[in-house]
Amino acid sequence: MLSIFILIGAYRYYAQLAERFGKTKWHYGLLAIGVYLGTQLFFGFSYGIYKGVTDPDSLDGVDYTGFSLINMISWVISIAAVYGVYKLLERKFLKENISKPSLEIEKIGDQDL
């Protein structure tokens, strides 16, 4: 349930970034969902492989439906990944805006005298 709230927050966070720089909001919202779920899957598979290699008998009684330390760690890592990609995109968009000519220069000659 907590993952759903995290996904909604990440979607809105990226959509606001896209709106601020004039990009398509839902594309970046889906990117946020992909980053979060991808990080969750990567962490889950990595932890499962680790547990399978170190103690194969412990995998018989695994139940990840509740709150556990591993779930909380994976949430923190996934949120950090979403934030890191957000900062990379923000820096990229700022560089794009700096390299574009200003709107004032483009509007020269459009005014009626």
C-alpha atoms as a PDB file:
ATOM      1  CA  MET A   1       0.000   0.000   0.000  1.00  0.00           C
ATOM      2  CA  LEU A   2       2.834   2.355   0.814  1.00  0.00           C
ATOM      3  CA  SER A   3       4.356   1.698  -2.618  1.00  0.00           C
ATOM      4  CA  ILE A   4       1.206   3.034  -4.266  1.00  0.00           C
ATOM      5  CA  PHE A   5       1.544   6.320  -2.382  1.00  0.00           C
ATOM      6  CA  ILE A   6       5.234   6.504  -3.297  1.00  0.00           C
ATOM      7  CA  LEU A   7       4.365   5.888  -6.959  1.00  0.00           C
ATOM      8  CA  ILE A   8       1.715   8.619  -6.948  1.00  0.00           C
ATOM      9  CA  GLY A   9       4.158  11.063  -5.356  1.00  0.00           C
ATOM     10  CA  ALA A  10       6.917  10.200  -7.822  1.00  0.00           C
ATOM     11  CA  TYR A  11       4.541  10.583 -10.766  1.00  0.00           C
ATOM     12  CA  ARG A  12       3.412  14.023  -9.621  1.00  0.00           C
ATOM     13  CA  TYR A  13       6.984  15.082  -8.797  1.00  0.00           C
ATOM     14  CA  TYR A  14       8.208  14.274 -12.314  1.00  0.00           C
ATOM     15  CA  ALA A  15       5.069  15.720 -13.938  1.00  0.00           C
ATOM     16  CA  GLN A  16       5.697  19.036 -12.184  1.00  0.00           C
ATOM     17  CA  LEU A  17       9.282  19.031 -13.442  1.00  0.00           C
ATOM     18  CA  ALA A  18       8.090  18.370 -17.001  1.00  0.00           C
ATOM     19  CA  GLU A  19       5.467  21.115 -16.767  1.00  0.00           C
ATOM     20  CA  ARG A  20       8.010  23.617 -15.518  1.00  0.00           C
ATOM     21  CA  PHE A  21      10.200  23.034 -18.579  1.00  0.00           C
ATOM     22  CA  GLY A  22       7.408  22.640 -21.126  1.00  0.00           C
ATOM     23  CA  LYS A  23       7.714  18.886 -21.632  1.00  0.00           C
ATOM     24  CA  THR A  24       4.997  16.222 -21.859  1.00  0.00           C
ATOM     25  CA  LYS A  25       3.935  15.539 -18.277  1.00  0.00           C
ATOM     26  CA  TRP A  26       2.732  11.965 -18.530  1.00  0.00           C
ATOM     27  CA  HIS A  27       5.913  10.803 -20.287  1.00  0.00           C
ATOM     28  CA  TYR A  28       8.008  11.846 -17.344  1.00  0.00           C
ATOM     29  CA  GLY A  29       5.431  10.584 -14.872  1.00  0.00           C
ATOM     30  CA  LEU A  30       5.691   7.142 -16.435  1.00  0.00           C
ATOM     31  CA  LEU A  31       9.469   7.454 -16.313  1.00  0.00           C
ATOM     32  CA  ALA A  32       9.214   7.999 -12.551  1.00  0.00           C
ATOM     33  CA  ILE A  33       7.069   4.888 -12.193  1.00  0.00           C
ATOM     34  CA  GLY A  34       9.546   2.925 -14.309  1.00  0.00           C
ATOM     35  CA  VAL A  35      12.521   4.078 -12.260  1.00  0.00           C
ATOM     36  CA  TYR A  36      10.790   3.202  -8.993  1.00  0.00           C
ATOM     37  CA  LEU A  37       9.541  -0.212 -10.084  1.00  0.00           C
ATOM     38  CA  GLY A  38      12.801  -1.029 -11.850  1.00  0.00           C
ATOM     39  CA  THR A  39      14.782  -0.269  -8.718  1.00  0.00           C
ATOM     40  CA  GLN A  40      12.370  -2.331  -6.624  1.00  0.00           C
ATOM     41  CA  LEU A  41      12.679  -5.303  -8.992  1.00  0.00           C
ATOM     42  CA  PHE A  42      16.456  -5.028  -9.199  1.00  0.00           C
ATOM     43  CA  PHE A  43      16.781  -4.875  -5.407  1.00  0.00           C
ATOM     44  CA  GLY A  44      14.314  -7.739  -4.934  1.00  0.00           C
ATOM     45  CA  PHE A  45      16.053 -10.006  -7.419  1.00  0.00           C
ATOM     46  CA  SER A  46      19.467  -9.134  -5.992  1.00  0.00           C
ATOM     47  CA  TYR A  47      18.348  -9.888  -2.460  1.00  0.00           C
ATOM     48  CA  GLY A  48      16.653 -13.128  -3.570  1.00  0.00           C
ATOM     49  CA  ILE A  49      19.795 -14.299  -5.331  1.00  0.00           C
ATOM     50  CA  TYR A  50      21.893 -13.376  -2.298  1.00  0.00           C
ATOM     51  CA  LYS A  51      19.581 -15.300   0.030  1.00  0.00           C
ATOM     52  CA  GLY A  52      19.487 -18.244  -2.369  1.00  0.00           C
ATOM     53  CA  VAL A  53      23.271 -18.464  -2.556  1.00  0.00           C
ATOM     54  CA  THR A  54      24.011 -17.951   1.134  1.00  0.00           C
ATOM     55  CA  ASP A  55      21.146 -19.925   2.697  1.00  0.00           C
ATOM     56  CA  PRO A  56      18.926 -21.854   0.249  1.00  0.00           C
ATOM     57  CA  ASP A  57      16.716 -23.273   3.017  1.00  0.00           C
ATOM     58  CA  SER A  58      15.591 -19.799   4.106  1.00  0.00           C
ATOM     59  CA  LEU A  59      13.702 -19.241   0.834  1.00  0.00           C
ATOM     60  CA  ASP A  60      10.976 -21.751   1.714  1.00  0.00           C
ATOM     61  CA  GLY A  61       9.209 -19.506   4.224  1.00  0.00           C
ATOM     62  CA  VAL A  62       9.608 -16.114   2.561  1.00  0.00           C
ATOM     63  CA  ASP A  63       6.649 -13.719   2.924  1.00  0.00           C
ATOM     64  CA  TYR A  64       7.182 -10.171   1.673  1.00  0.00           C
ATOM     65  CA  THR A  65       3.617  -8.933   2.035  1.00  0.00           C
ATOM     66  CA  GLY A  66       4.153  -7.076   5.304  1.00  0.00           C
ATOM     67  CA  PHE A  67       6.585  -4.549   6.652  1.00  0.00           C
ATOM     68  CA  SER A  68      10.067  -5.906   6.999  1.00  0.00           C
ATOM     69  CA  LEU A  69      13.486  -4.370   7.211  1.00  0.00           C
ATOM     70  CA  ILE A  70      14.234  -5.458   3.644  1.00  0.00           C
ATOM     71  CA  ASN A  71      11.064  -3.783   2.343  1.00  0.00           C
ATOM     72  CA  MET A  72      11.899  -0.543   4.111  1.00  0.00           C
ATOM     73  CA  ILE A  73      15.459  -0.602   2.771  1.00  0.00           C
ATOM     74  CA  SER A  74      14.184  -1.209  -0.763  1.00  0.00           C
ATOM     75  CA  TRP A  75      11.745   1.713  -0.441  1.00  0.00           C
ATOM     76  CA  VAL A  76      14.537   4.033   0.675  1.00  0.00           C
ATOM     77  CA  ILE A  77      16.833   2.884  -2.139  1.00  0.00           C
ATOM     78  CA  SER A  78      14.039   3.278  -4.706  1.00  0.00           C
ATOM     79  CA  ILE A  79      13.128   6.758  -3.488  1.00  0.00           C
ATOM     80  CA  ALA A  80      16.823   7.716  -3.648  1.00  0.00           C
ATOM     81  CA  ALA A  81      16.992   6.421  -7.245  1.00  0.00           C
ATOM     82  CA  VAL A  82      13.873   8.397  -8.216  1.00  0.00           C
ATOM     83  CA  TYR A  83      15.323  11.532  -6.630  1.00  0.00           C
ATOM     84  CA  GLY A  84      18.701  11.001  -8.319  1.00  0.00           C
ATOM     85  CA  VAL A  85      17.149  10.643 -11.778  1.00  0.00           C
ATOM     86  CA  TYR A  86      14.990  13.704 -11.037  1.00  0.00           C
ATOM     87  CA  LYS A  87      18.077  15.777 -10.286  1.00  0.00           C
ATOM     88  CA  LEU A  88      19.803  14.525 -13.457  1.00  0.00           C
ATOM     89  CA  LEU A  89      16.774  15.489 -15.553  1.00  0.00           C
ATOM     90  CA  GLU A  90      16.493  18.865 -13.865  1.00  0.00           C
ATOM     91  CA  ARG A  91      20.146  19.615 -14.567  1.00  0.00           C
ATOM     92  CA  LYS A  92      19.710  18.494 -18.204  1.00  0.00           C
ATOM     93  CA  PHE A  93      16.626  20.678 -18.683  1.00  0.00           C
ATOM     94  CA  LEU A  94      18.390  23.701 -17.177  1.00  0.00           C
ATOM     95  CA  LYS A  95      21.286  23.244 -19.613  1.00  0.00           C
ATOM     96  CA  GLU A  96      18.823  23.015 -22.507  1.00  0.00           C
ATOM     97  CA  ASN A  97      17.116  26.263 -21.451  1.00  0.00           C
ATOM     98  CA  ILE A  98      20.426  28.095 -21.179  1.00  0.00           C
ATOM     99  CA  SER A  99      21.487  27.041 -24.666  1.00  0.00           C
ATOM    100  CA  LYS A 100      18.185  28.118 -26.279  1.00  0.00           C
ATOM    101  CA  PRO A 101      17.844  31.696 -27.514  1.00  0.00           C
ATOM    102  CA  SER A 102      15.709  33.833 -25.312  1.00  0.00           C
ATOM    103  CA  LEU A 103      12.084  34.413 -26.140  1.00  0.00           C
ATOM    104  CA  GLU A 104      12.621  38.140 -26.351  1.00  0.00           C
ATOM    105  CA  ILE A 105      14.984  37.762 -29.296  1.00  0.00           C
ATOM    106  CA  GLU A 106      12.484  35.544 -31.122  1.00  0.00           C
ATOM    107  CA  LYS A 107       9.707  38.116 -30.688  1.00  0.00           C
ATOM    108  CA  ILE A 108      11.646  40.928 -32.356  1.00  0.00           C
ATOM    109  CA  GLY A 109       9.772  42.015 -35.456  1.00  0.00           C
ATOM    110  CA  ASP A 110       6.497  40.351 -34.413  1.00  0.00           C
ATOM    111  CA  GLN A 111       5.127  43.508 -32.850  1.00  0.00           C
ATOM    112  CA  ASP A 112       2.829  45.664 -34.929  1.00  0.00           C
ATOM    113  CA  LEU A 113       3.868  49.288 -35.170  1.00  0.00           C
END
